Amino acid sequence: MVVRKLPDLEVDRLFHALADSTRRDIVVRTIVGEHSVSALAAHYSMSFAAVQKHVAVLERASLVRKEKRGREQIVRANRDAVGKARQLLEEYENIWRQRVDRITDILAEEKEQK
């Protein structure tokens, strides 16, 4: 189970990074293709520095990787980290499905006893 394999700090960083709509949008854009920080900043009505901060949060969560090419910082998604987030969400979903199944079983047992 991935939920238990990842350190809490790593899980916290993943979900903190994905909790913001701008950061989720940056992840989507960088999954589709590499972008410079300047090109990403052109999509948002915020300062270049603010976009850099969003990219830094994503980088700390390992959701994106940044590399310097000439004068530009190129950002691309880290598909492994995105996959970890997907696995975590699937595992949480499975936990909830098991709980719902158990509640359904309990209600069925009570109905049979009446």
C-alpha atoms as a PDB file:
ATOM      1  CA  MET A   1       0.000   0.000   0.000  1.00  0.00           C
ATOM      2  CA  VAL A   2       1.614   3.261  -1.184  1.00  0.00           C
ATOM      3  CA  VAL A   3      -0.091   5.352   1.509  1.00  0.00           C
ATOM      4  CA  ARG A   4       1.996   3.668   4.165  1.00  0.00           C
ATOM      5  CA  LYS A   5       5.193   3.571   2.087  1.00  0.00           C
ATOM      6  CA  LEU A   6       5.524   7.324   1.615  1.00  0.00           C
ATOM      7  CA  PRO A   7       6.741   9.442   4.520  1.00  0.00           C
ATOM      8  CA  ASP A   8       4.099  11.803   5.910  1.00  0.00           C
ATOM      9  CA  LEU A   9       6.190  14.825   4.921  1.00  0.00           C
ATOM     10  CA  GLU A  10       6.211  13.700   1.278  1.00  0.00           C
ATOM     11  CA  VAL A  11       2.445  13.106   1.289  1.00  0.00           C
ATOM     12  CA  ASP A  12       1.898  16.514   2.895  1.00  0.00           C
ATOM     13  CA  ARG A  13       4.025  18.198   0.221  1.00  0.00           C
ATOM     14  CA  LEU A  14       2.184  16.421  -2.606  1.00  0.00           C
ATOM     15  CA  PHE A  15      -1.271  17.398  -1.421  1.00  0.00           C
ATOM     16  CA  HIS A  16      -0.246  20.893  -0.354  1.00  0.00           C
ATOM     17  CA  ALA A  17       1.156  21.477  -3.836  1.00  0.00           C
ATOM     18  CA  LEU A  18      -1.974  20.115  -5.513  1.00  0.00           C
ATOM     19  CA  ALA A  19      -4.319  22.099  -3.259  1.00  0.00           C
ATOM     20  CA  ASP A  20      -3.860  25.235  -5.362  1.00  0.00           C
ATOM     21  CA  SER A  21      -5.578  25.634  -8.745  1.00  0.00           C
ATOM     22  CA  THR A  22      -2.650  27.513 -10.314  1.00  0.00           C
ATOM     23  CA  ARG A  23      -0.242  24.777  -9.315  1.00  0.00           C
ATOM     24  CA  ARG A  24      -2.573  22.074 -10.643  1.00  0.00           C
ATOM     25  CA  ASP A  25      -2.763  24.001 -13.916  1.00  0.00           C
ATOM     26  CA  ILE A  26       1.033  24.246 -14.081  1.00  0.00           C
ATOM     27  CA  VAL A  27       1.275  20.474 -13.561  1.00  0.00           C
ATOM     28  CA  VAL A  28      -1.209  19.872 -16.397  1.00  0.00           C
ATOM     29  CA  ARG A  29       0.638  22.237 -18.727  1.00  0.00           C
ATOM     30  CA  THR A  30       3.985  20.609 -17.960  1.00  0.00           C
ATOM     31  CA  ILE A  31       2.579  17.112 -18.450  1.00  0.00           C
ATOM     32  CA  VAL A  32       1.628  18.139 -21.973  1.00  0.00           C
ATOM     33  CA  GLY A  33       5.046  19.652 -22.650  1.00  0.00           C
ATOM     34  CA  GLU A  34       8.013  21.499 -21.250  1.00  0.00           C
ATOM     35  CA  HIS A  35       7.633  25.206 -20.589  1.00  0.00           C
ATOM     36  CA  SER A  36       9.954  27.929 -19.450  1.00  0.00           C
ATOM     37  CA  VAL A  37       8.913  29.715 -16.270  1.00  0.00           C
ATOM     38  CA  SER A  38       8.461  32.837 -18.413  1.00  0.00           C
ATOM     39  CA  ALA A  39       6.094  30.995 -20.775  1.00  0.00           C
ATOM     40  CA  LEU A  40       4.118  29.656 -17.817  1.00  0.00           C
ATOM     41  CA  ALA A  41       3.904  33.131 -16.288  1.00  0.00           C
ATOM     42  CA  ALA A  42       2.285  34.439 -19.475  1.00  0.00           C
ATOM     43  CA  HIS A  43      -0.798  32.296 -18.723  1.00  0.00           C
ATOM     44  CA  TYR A  44      -1.583  33.826 -15.335  1.00  0.00           C
ATOM     45  CA  SER A  45      -2.628  37.227 -14.104  1.00  0.00           C
ATOM     46  CA  MET A  46       0.040  37.313 -11.444  1.00  0.00           C
ATOM     47  CA  SER A  47       3.639  38.389 -11.267  1.00  0.00           C
ATOM     48  CA  PHE A  48       6.502  36.328 -12.648  1.00  0.00           C
ATOM     49  CA  ALA A  49       7.807  36.012  -9.079  1.00  0.00           C
ATOM     50  CA  ALA A  50       4.475  34.551  -7.924  1.00  0.00           C
ATOM     51  CA  VAL A  51       4.601  31.936 -10.695  1.00  0.00           C
ATOM     52  CA  GLN A  52       8.197  31.146  -9.702  1.00  0.00           C
ATOM     53  CA  LYS A  53       6.985  30.536  -6.140  1.00  0.00           C
ATOM     54  CA  HIS A  54       4.270  28.164  -7.385  1.00  0.00           C
ATOM     55  CA  VAL A  55       6.870  26.291  -9.436  1.00  0.00           C
ATOM     56  CA  ALA A  56       9.136  26.099  -6.371  1.00  0.00           C
ATOM     57  CA  VAL A  57       6.307  24.544  -4.316  1.00  0.00           C
ATOM     58  CA  LEU A  58       5.737  21.987  -7.086  1.00  0.00           C
ATOM     59  CA  GLU A  59       9.466  21.314  -7.287  1.00  0.00           C
ATOM     60  CA  ARG A  60       9.691  20.714  -3.504  1.00  0.00           C
ATOM     61  CA  ALA A  61       6.847  18.203  -3.878  1.00  0.00           C
ATOM     62  CA  SER A  62       8.779  16.587  -6.773  1.00  0.00           C
ATOM     63  CA  LEU A  63       5.787  17.133  -9.065  1.00  0.00           C
ATOM     64  CA  VAL A  64       7.924  19.101 -11.526  1.00  0.00           C
ATOM     65  CA  ARG A  65      11.584  19.300 -12.369  1.00  0.00           C
ATOM     66  CA  LYS A  66      13.314  22.467 -13.380  1.00  0.00           C
ATOM     67  CA  GLU A  67      16.503  22.681 -15.363  1.00  0.00           C
ATOM     68  CA  LYS A  68      18.477  25.655 -16.568  1.00  0.00           C
ATOM     69  CA  ARG A  69      18.880  25.947 -20.330  1.00  0.00           C
ATOM     70  CA  GLY A  70      20.780  29.029 -21.282  1.00  0.00           C
ATOM     71  CA  ARG A  71      19.012  31.924 -19.644  1.00  0.00           C
ATOM     72  CA  GLU A  72      15.739  30.071 -19.121  1.00  0.00           C
ATOM     73  CA  GLN A  73      14.450  27.726 -16.431  1.00  0.00           C
ATOM     74  CA  ILE A  74      12.617  24.863 -18.160  1.00  0.00           C
ATOM     75  CA  VAL A  75       9.882  23.125 -16.185  1.00  0.00           C
ATOM     76  CA  ARG A  76       8.564  19.649 -16.900  1.00  0.00           C
ATOM     77  CA  ALA A  77       6.292  17.330 -14.972  1.00  0.00           C
ATOM     78  CA  ASN A  78       7.692  14.439 -12.981  1.00  0.00           C
ATOM     79  CA  ARG A  79       5.341  11.664 -14.059  1.00  0.00           C
ATOM     80  CA  ASP A  80       6.509   9.389 -11.224  1.00  0.00           C
ATOM     81  CA  ALA A  81       5.355  11.897  -8.597  1.00  0.00           C
ATOM     82  CA  VAL A  82       2.064  12.469 -10.414  1.00  0.00           C
ATOM     83  CA  GLY A  83       1.626   8.695 -10.432  1.00  0.00           C
ATOM     84  CA  LYS A  84       2.275   8.554  -6.671  1.00  0.00           C
ATOM     85  CA  ALA A  85      -0.443  11.147  -6.089  1.00  0.00           C
ATOM     86  CA  ARG A  86      -2.820   9.104  -8.258  1.00  0.00           C
ATOM     87  CA  GLN A  87      -1.990   5.930  -6.310  1.00  0.00           C
ATOM     88  CA  LEU A  88      -2.537   7.686  -2.997  1.00  0.00           C
ATOM     89  CA  LEU A  89      -5.958   8.915  -4.100  1.00  0.00           C
ATOM     90  CA  GLU A  90      -6.898   5.447  -5.339  1.00  0.00           C
ATOM     91  CA  GLU A  91      -5.898   3.937  -2.014  1.00  0.00           C
ATOM     92  CA  TYR A  92      -7.965   6.495  -0.095  1.00  0.00           C
ATOM     93  CA  GLU A  93     -10.867   5.744  -2.426  1.00  0.00           C
ATOM     94  CA  ASN A  94     -10.473   2.011  -1.700  1.00  0.00           C
ATOM     95  CA  ILE A  95     -10.537   2.660   2.041  1.00  0.00           C
ATOM     96  CA  TRP A  96     -13.807   4.592   1.663  1.00  0.00           C
ATOM     97  CA  ARG A  97     -15.314   1.928  -0.609  1.00  0.00           C
ATOM     98  CA  GLN A  98     -14.497  -0.726   1.995  1.00  0.00           C
ATOM     99  CA  ARG A  99     -16.186   1.388   4.662  1.00  0.00           C
ATOM    100  CA  VAL A 100     -19.293   1.868   2.512  1.00  0.00           C
ATOM    101  CA  ASP A 101     -19.371  -1.882   1.779  1.00  0.00           C
ATOM    102  CA  ARG A 102     -19.121  -2.645   5.513  1.00  0.00           C
ATOM    103  CA  ILE A 103     -21.940  -0.188   6.320  1.00  0.00           C
ATOM    104  CA  THR A 104     -24.055  -1.784   3.582  1.00  0.00           C
ATOM    105  CA  ASP A 105     -23.393  -5.229   5.086  1.00  0.00           C
ATOM    106  CA  ILE A 106     -24.335  -4.040   8.583  1.00  0.00           C
ATOM    107  CA  LEU A 107     -27.571  -2.488   7.311  1.00  0.00           C
ATOM    108  CA  ALA A 108     -28.406  -5.688   5.416  1.00  0.00           C
ATOM    109  CA  GLU A 109     -27.787  -7.767   8.548  1.00  0.00           C
ATOM    110  CA  GLU A 110     -30.027  -5.497  10.604  1.00  0.00           C
ATOM    111  CA  LYS A 111     -32.752  -5.699   7.971  1.00  0.00           C
ATOM    112  CA  GLU A 112     -32.578  -9.514   7.998  1.00  0.00           C
ATOM    113  CA  GLN A 113     -32.868  -9.598  11.809  1.00  0.00           C
ATOM    114  CA  LYS A 114     -36.105  -7.575  11.759  1.00  0.00           C
END
